[in-house]
Amino acid sequence: MQLTIKRLNLEHVTWSLDNGNSRNTDDLRFGQFIHNKYNVECVDVFYVESAQDAYEQLLTNLTINDEGA
C-alpha cells in the first residue's frame, strides 16, 4: 500500500486521538508505525519520537514529491 497525503492525514488524526503525541500501546512511535505499515523509504522518521514532527516531515516529503510528479 502506498502512503498518500490523504492516508497520512487519516493515520495522523487516528494516532493523535488514540495516542496523543506519544507512543502507542505497542510502544511504537508514529514514524515507526508508518514506516512499517507503508514501507516508507523516502524520509527517515523511524526514530523520530514526536508524532507531530514525524507527520510534518512525512507531509513535507509527500508534498514535494507530488509537486515534482
PDB file of N, CA and C in Angstrom:
ATOM      1  N   MET A   1       0.850  -1.176   0.000  1.00  0.00           N
ATOM      2  CA  MET A   1       0.000   0.000   0.000  1.00  0.00           C
ATOM      3  C   MET A   1       0.899   1.244   0.000  1.00  0.00           C
ATOM      4  N   GLN A   2       0.561   2.196  -0.829  1.00  0.00           N
ATOM      5  CA  GLN A   2       1.359   3.412  -0.950  1.00  0.00           C
ATOM      6  C   GLN A   2       0.830   4.497  -0.010  1.00  0.00           C
ATOM      7  N   LEU A   3       1.750   5.189   0.621  1.00  0.00           N
ATOM      8  CA  LEU A   3       1.381   6.295   1.500  1.00  0.00           C
ATOM      9  C   LEU A   3       1.076   7.530   0.661  1.00  0.00           C
ATOM     10  N   THR A   4      -0.111   8.064   0.838  1.00  0.00           N
ATOM     11  CA  THR A   4      -0.521   9.297   0.173  1.00  0.00           C
ATOM     12  C   THR A   4      -0.757  10.354   1.245  1.00  0.00           C
ATOM     13  N   ILE A   5      -0.928  11.589   0.820  1.00  0.00           N
ATOM     14  CA  ILE A   5      -1.206  12.665   1.779  1.00  0.00           C
ATOM     15  C   ILE A   5      -2.513  12.384   2.505  1.00  0.00           C
ATOM     16  N   LYS A   6      -3.518  11.919   1.793  1.00  0.00           N
ATOM     17  CA  LYS A   6      -4.812  11.614   2.421  1.00  0.00           C
ATOM     18  C   LYS A   6      -4.668  10.512   3.473  1.00  0.00           C
ATOM     19  N   ARG A   7      -3.963   9.446   3.127  1.00  0.00           N
ATOM     20  CA  ARG A   7      -3.754   8.356   4.090  1.00  0.00           C
ATOM     21  C   ARG A   7      -2.948   8.835   5.291  1.00  0.00           C
ATOM     22  N   LEU A   8      -1.909   9.628   5.035  1.00  0.00           N
ATOM     23  CA  LEU A   8      -1.089  10.153   6.127  1.00  0.00           C
ATOM     24  C   LEU A   8      -1.944  10.985   7.068  1.00  0.00           C
ATOM     25  N   ASN A   9      -2.785  11.849   6.519  1.00  0.00           N
ATOM     26  CA  ASN A   9      -3.647  12.686   7.359  1.00  0.00           C
ATOM     27  C   ASN A   9      -4.589  11.835   8.206  1.00  0.00           C
ATOM     28  N   LEU A  10      -5.188  10.815   7.609  1.00  0.00           N
ATOM     29  CA  LEU A  10      -6.093   9.934   8.365  1.00  0.00           C
ATOM     30  C   LEU A  10      -5.344   9.162   9.452  1.00  0.00           C
ATOM     31  N   GLU A  11      -4.173   8.660   9.117  1.00  0.00           N
ATOM     32  CA  GLU A  11      -3.360   7.936  10.108  1.00  0.00           C
ATOM     33  C   GLU A  11      -2.981   8.857  11.268  1.00  0.00           C
ATOM     34  N   HIS A  12      -2.605  10.099  10.940  1.00  0.00           N
ATOM     35  CA  HIS A  12      -2.177  11.033  11.984  1.00  0.00           C
ATOM     36  C   HIS A  12      -3.332  11.433  12.895  1.00  0.00           C
ATOM     37  N   VAL A  13      -4.503  11.679  12.320  1.00  0.00           N
ATOM     38  CA  VAL A  13      -5.668  12.030  13.138  1.00  0.00           C
ATOM     39  C   VAL A  13      -6.020  10.873  14.067  1.00  0.00           C
ATOM     40  N   THR A  14      -6.054   9.674  13.518  1.00  0.00           N
ATOM     41  CA  THR A  14      -6.362   8.496  14.327  1.00  0.00           C
ATOM     42  C   THR A  14      -5.332   8.314  15.429  1.00  0.00           C
ATOM     43  N   TRP A  15      -4.065   8.443  15.079  1.00  0.00           N
ATOM     44  CA  TRP A  15      -2.979   8.294  16.051  1.00  0.00           C
ATOM     45  C   TRP A  15      -3.111   9.347  17.153  1.00  0.00           C
ATOM     46  N   SER A  16      -3.341  10.575  16.767  1.00  0.00           N
ATOM     47  CA  SER A  16      -3.434  11.670  17.738  1.00  0.00           C
ATOM     48  C   SER A  16      -4.585  11.464  18.713  1.00  0.00           C
ATOM     49  N   LEU A  17      -5.713  11.000  18.202  1.00  0.00           N
ATOM     50  CA  LEU A  17      -6.859  10.744  19.075  1.00  0.00           C
ATOM     51  C   LEU A  17      -6.578   9.596  20.036  1.00  0.00           C
ATOM     52  N   ASP A  18      -5.896   8.571  19.551  1.00  0.00           N
ATOM     53  CA  ASP A  18      -5.640   7.383  20.369  1.00  0.00           C
ATOM     54  C   ASP A  18      -4.419   7.515  21.271  1.00  0.00           C
ATOM     55  N   ASN A  19      -3.378   8.212  20.801  1.00  0.00           N
ATOM     56  CA  ASN A  19      -2.087   8.193  21.500  1.00  0.00           C
ATOM     57  C   ASN A  19      -1.498   9.565  21.793  1.00  0.00           C
ATOM     58  N   GLY A  20      -2.140  10.609  21.335  1.00  0.00           N
ATOM     59  CA  GLY A  20      -1.561  11.937  21.508  1.00  0.00           C
ATOM     60  C   GLY A  20      -0.299  12.052  20.670  1.00  0.00           C
ATOM     61  N   ASN A  21       0.729  12.649  21.219  1.00  0.00           N
ATOM     62  CA  ASN A  21       1.993  12.852  20.514  1.00  0.00           C
ATOM     63  C   ASN A  21       3.029  11.794  20.907  1.00  0.00           C
ATOM     64  N   SER A  22       2.564  10.766  21.616  1.00  0.00           N
ATOM     65  CA  SER A  22       3.461   9.767  22.194  1.00  0.00           C
ATOM     66  C   SER A  22       3.393   8.438  21.453  1.00  0.00           C
ATOM     67  N   ARG A  23       4.002   7.437  22.071  1.00  0.00           N
ATOM     68  CA  ARG A  23       3.985   6.080  21.538  1.00  0.00           C
ATOM     69  C   ARG A  23       2.626   5.429  21.779  1.00  0.00           C
ATOM     70  N   ASN A  24       2.351   4.371  20.992  1.00  0.00           N
ATOM     71  CA  ASN A  24       1.086   3.652  21.175  1.00  0.00           C
ATOM     72  C   ASN A  24       1.253   2.551  22.225  1.00  0.00           C
ATOM     73  N   THR A  25       0.218   1.750  22.404  1.00  0.00           N
ATOM     74  CA  THR A  25       0.252   0.704  23.435  1.00  0.00           C
ATOM     75  C   THR A  25       1.242  -0.412  23.099  1.00  0.00           C
ATOM     76  N   ASP A  26       1.650  -0.511  21.843  1.00  0.00           N
ATOM     77  CA  ASP A  26       2.672  -1.480  21.438  1.00  0.00           C
ATOM     78  C   ASP A  26       4.074  -0.885  21.528  1.00  0.00           C
ATOM     79  N   ASP A  27       4.189   0.319  22.100  1.00  0.00           N
ATOM     80  CA  ASP A  27       5.453   1.040  22.279  1.00  0.00           C
ATOM     81  C   ASP A  27       6.074   1.460  20.950  1.00  0.00           C
ATOM     82  N   LEU A  28       5.228   1.651  19.928  1.00  0.00           N
ATOM     83  CA  LEU A  28       5.708   2.129  18.636  1.00  0.00           C
ATOM     84  C   LEU A  28       5.559   3.640  18.540  1.00  0.00           C
ATOM     85  N   ARG A  29       6.545   4.282  17.928  1.00  0.00           N
ATOM     86  CA  ARG A  29       6.450   5.696  17.603  1.00  0.00           C
ATOM     87  C   ARG A  29       5.607   5.826  16.336  1.00  0.00           C
ATOM     88  N   PHE A  30       5.016   6.993  16.101  1.00  0.00           N
ATOM     89  CA  PHE A  30       4.204   7.206  14.897  1.00  0.00           C
ATOM     90  C   PHE A  30       5.019   6.960  13.632  1.00  0.00           C
ATOM     91  N   GLY A  31       6.222   7.507  13.577  1.00  0.00           N
ATOM     92  CA  GLY A  31       7.073   7.317  12.410  1.00  0.00           C
ATOM     93  C   GLY A  31       7.430   5.856  12.192  1.00  0.00           C
ATOM     94  N   GLN A  32       7.660   5.149  13.272  1.00  0.00           N
ATOM     95  CA  GLN A  32       7.963   3.723  13.203  1.00  0.00           C
ATOM     96  C   GLN A  32       6.754   2.948  12.662  1.00  0.00           C
ATOM     97  N   PHE A  33       5.571   3.293  13.147  1.00  0.00           N
ATOM     98  CA  PHE A  33       4.330   2.672  12.709  1.00  0.00           C
ATOM     99  C   PHE A  33       4.109   2.892  11.210  1.00  0.00           C
ATOM    100  N   ILE A  34       4.278   4.138  10.761  1.00  0.00           N
ATOM    101  CA  ILE A  34       4.096   4.468   9.346  1.00  0.00           C
ATOM    102  C   ILE A  34       5.158   3.770   8.494  1.00  0.00           C
ATOM    103  N   HIS A  35       6.384   3.786   8.958  1.00  0.00           N
ATOM    104  CA  HIS A  35       7.479   3.130   8.237  1.00  0.00           C
ATOM    105  C   HIS A  35       7.173   1.652   8.034  1.00  0.00           C
ATOM    106  N   ASN A  36       6.717   0.973   9.071  1.00  0.00           N
ATOM    107  CA  ASN A  36       6.427  -0.452   8.987  1.00  0.00           C
ATOM    108  C   ASN A  36       5.194  -0.745   8.134  1.00  0.00           C
ATOM    109  N   LYS A  37       4.160   0.058   8.267  1.00  0.00           N
ATOM    110  CA  LYS A  37       2.911  -0.192   7.554  1.00  0.00           C
ATOM    111  C   LYS A  37       3.020   0.098   6.064  1.00  0.00           C
ATOM    112  N   TYR A  38       3.723   1.176   5.710  1.00  0.00           N
ATOM    113  CA  TYR A  38       3.785   1.622   4.321  1.00  0.00           C
ATOM    114  C   TYR A  38       5.159   1.427   3.677  1.00  0.00           C
ATOM    115  N   ASN A  39       6.106   0.865   4.423  1.00  0.00           N
ATOM    116  CA  ASN A  39       7.456   0.639   3.911  1.00  0.00           C
ATOM    117  C   ASN A  39       8.050   1.924   3.333  1.00  0.00           C
ATOM    118  N   VAL A  40       7.974   2.991   4.091  1.00  0.00           N
ATOM    119  CA  VAL A  40       8.444   4.314   3.665  1.00  0.00           C
ATOM    120  C   VAL A  40       9.974   4.339   3.672  1.00  0.00           C
ATOM    121  N   GLU A  41      10.547   4.678   2.545  1.00  0.00           N
ATOM    122  CA  GLU A  41      11.998   4.752   2.405  1.00  0.00           C
ATOM    123  C   GLU A  41      12.473   6.173   2.093  1.00  0.00           C
ATOM    124  N   CYS A  42      11.562   7.030   1.654  1.00  0.00           N
ATOM    125  CA  CYS A  42      11.936   8.354   1.142  1.00  0.00           C
ATOM    126  C   CYS A  42      12.409   9.321   2.230  1.00  0.00           C
ATOM    127  N   VAL A  43      11.943   9.140   3.441  1.00  0.00           N
ATOM    128  CA  VAL A  43      12.348  10.011   4.545  1.00  0.00           C
ATOM    129  C   VAL A  43      12.425   9.152   5.802  1.00  0.00           C
ATOM    130  N   ASP A  44      13.464   9.352   6.598  1.00  0.00           N
ATOM    131  CA  ASP A  44      13.686   8.509   7.769  1.00  0.00           C
ATOM    132  C   ASP A  44      13.028   9.115   9.005  1.00  0.00           C
ATOM    133  N   VAL A  45      11.856   8.603   9.338  1.00  0.00           N
ATOM    134  CA  VAL A  45      11.154   9.065  10.536  1.00  0.00           C
ATOM    135  C   VAL A  45      11.041   7.945  11.571  1.00  0.00           C
ATOM    136  N   PHE A  46      11.729   6.841  11.335  1.00  0.00           N
ATOM    137  CA  PHE A  46      11.630   5.664  12.198  1.00  0.00           C
ATOM    138  C   PHE A  46      11.945   5.999  13.648  1.00  0.00           C
ATOM    139  N   TYR A  47      12.954   6.808  13.897  1.00  0.00           N
ATOM    140  CA  TYR A  47      13.390   7.104  15.261  1.00  0.00           C
ATOM    141  C   TYR A  47      12.911   8.458  15.780  1.00  0.00           C
ATOM    142  N   VAL A  48      12.054   9.137  15.043  1.00  0.00           N
ATOM    143  CA  VAL A  48      11.528  10.427  15.498  1.00  0.00           C
ATOM    144  C   VAL A  48      10.514  10.161  16.604  1.00  0.00           C
ATOM    145  N   GLU A  49      10.768  10.699  17.770  1.00  0.00           N
ATOM    146  CA  GLU A  49       9.941  10.411  18.945  1.00  0.00           C
ATOM    147  C   GLU A  49       8.580  11.106  18.890  1.00  0.00           C
ATOM    148  N   SER A  50       8.542  12.317  18.394  1.00  0.00           N
ATOM    149  CA  SER A  50       7.307  13.102  18.356  1.00  0.00           C
ATOM    150  C   SER A  50       6.457  12.723  17.147  1.00  0.00           C
ATOM    151  N   ALA A  51       5.204  12.369  17.394  1.00  0.00           N
ATOM    152  CA  ALA A  51       4.285  12.040  16.303  1.00  0.00           C
ATOM    153  C   ALA A  51       4.095  13.242  15.384  1.00  0.00           C
ATOM    154  N   GLN A  52       3.996  14.418  15.949  1.00  0.00           N
ATOM    155  CA  GLN A  52       3.800  15.641  15.164  1.00  0.00           C
ATOM    156  C   GLN A  52       4.999  15.922  14.266  1.00  0.00           C
ATOM    157  N   ASP A  53       6.200  15.765  14.798  1.00  0.00           N
ATOM    158  CA  ASP A  53       7.408  16.002  13.999  1.00  0.00           C
ATOM    159  C   ASP A  53       7.519  14.999  12.852  1.00  0.00           C
ATOM    160  N   ALA A  54       7.229  13.735  13.136  1.00  0.00           N
ATOM    161  CA  ALA A  54       7.272  12.700  12.090  1.00  0.00           C
ATOM    162  C   ALA A  54       6.238  13.006  11.013  1.00  0.00           C
ATOM    163  N   TYR A  55       5.035  13.383  11.442  1.00  0.00           N
ATOM    164  CA  TYR A  55       3.969  13.732  10.500  1.00  0.00           C
ATOM    165  C   TYR A  55       4.397  14.889   9.596  1.00  0.00           C
ATOM    166  N   GLU A  56       4.955  15.932  10.173  1.00  0.00           N
ATOM    167  CA  GLU A  56       5.365  17.100   9.397  1.00  0.00           C
ATOM    168  C   GLU A  56       6.457  16.746   8.384  1.00  0.00           C
ATOM    169  N   GLN A  57       7.412  15.919   8.787  1.00  0.00           N
ATOM    170  CA  GLN A  57       8.474  15.508   7.869  1.00  0.00           C
ATOM    171  C   GLN A  57       7.911  14.685   6.717  1.00  0.00           C
ATOM    172  N   LEU A  58       7.015  13.755   7.038  1.00  0.00           N
ATOM    173  CA  LEU A  58       6.393  12.929   6.002  1.00  0.00           C
ATOM    174  C   LEU A  58       5.538  13.781   5.061  1.00  0.00           C
ATOM    175  N   LEU A  59       4.757  14.684   5.631  1.00  0.00           N
ATOM    176  CA  LEU A  59       3.891  15.540   4.823  1.00  0.00           C
ATOM    177  C   LEU A  59       4.710  16.410   3.877  1.00  0.00           C
ATOM    178  N   THR A  60       5.781  16.987   4.377  1.00  0.00           N
ATOM    179  CA  THR A  60       6.659  17.809   3.542  1.00  0.00           C
ATOM    180  C   THR A  60       7.211  16.981   2.383  1.00  0.00           C
ATOM    181  N   ASN A  61       7.673  15.785   2.683  1.00  0.00           N
ATOM    182  CA  ASN A  61       8.236  14.935   1.647  1.00  0.00           C
ATOM    183  C   ASN A  61       7.185  14.530   0.620  1.00  0.00           C
ATOM    184  N   LEU A  62       5.993  14.169   1.059  1.00  0.00           N
ATOM    185  CA  LEU A  62       4.926  13.788   0.135  1.00  0.00           C
ATOM    186  C   LEU A  62       4.494  14.975  -0.723  1.00  0.00           C
ATOM    187  N   THR A  63       4.452  16.151  -0.137  1.00  0.00           N
ATOM    188  CA  THR A  63       4.063  17.356  -0.877  1.00  0.00           C
ATOM    189  C   THR A  63       5.092  17.674  -1.955  1.00  0.00           C
ATOM    190  N   ILE A  64       6.354  17.591  -1.614  1.00  0.00           N
ATOM    191  CA  ILE A  64       7.429  17.843  -2.585  1.00  0.00           C
ATOM    192  C   ILE A  64       7.364  16.823  -3.710  1.00  0.00           C
ATOM    193  N   ASN A  65       7.133  15.551  -3.362  1.00  0.00           N
ATOM    194  CA  ASN A  65       7.048  14.503  -4.384  1.00  0.00           C
ATOM    195  C   ASN A  65       5.844  14.692  -5.286  1.00  0.00           C
ATOM    196  N   ASP A  66       4.725  15.150  -4.726  1.00  0.00           N
ATOM    197  CA  ASP A  66       3.525  15.404  -5.534  1.00  0.00           C
ATOM    198  C   ASP A  66       3.749  16.557  -6.508  1.00  0.00           C
ATOM    199  N   GLU A  67       4.444  17.588  -6.053  1.00  0.00           N
ATOM    200  CA  GLU A  67       4.702  18.742  -6.912  1.00  0.00           C
ATOM    201  C   GLU A  67       5.650  18.386  -8.051  1.00  0.00           C
ATOM    202  N   GLY A  68       6.563  17.451  -7.788  1.00  0.00           N
ATOM    203  CA  GLY A  68       7.529  17.052  -8.797  1.00  0.00           C
ATOM    204  C   GLY A  68       6.987  16.041  -9.793  1.00  0.00           C
ATOM    205  N   ALA A  69       5.838  15.470  -9.481  1.00  0.00           N
ATOM    206  CA  ALA A  69       5.286  14.414 -10.360  1.00  0.00           C
ATOM    207  C   ALA A  69       4.585  14.980 -11.576  1.00  0.00           C
TER     208      ALA A  69
END
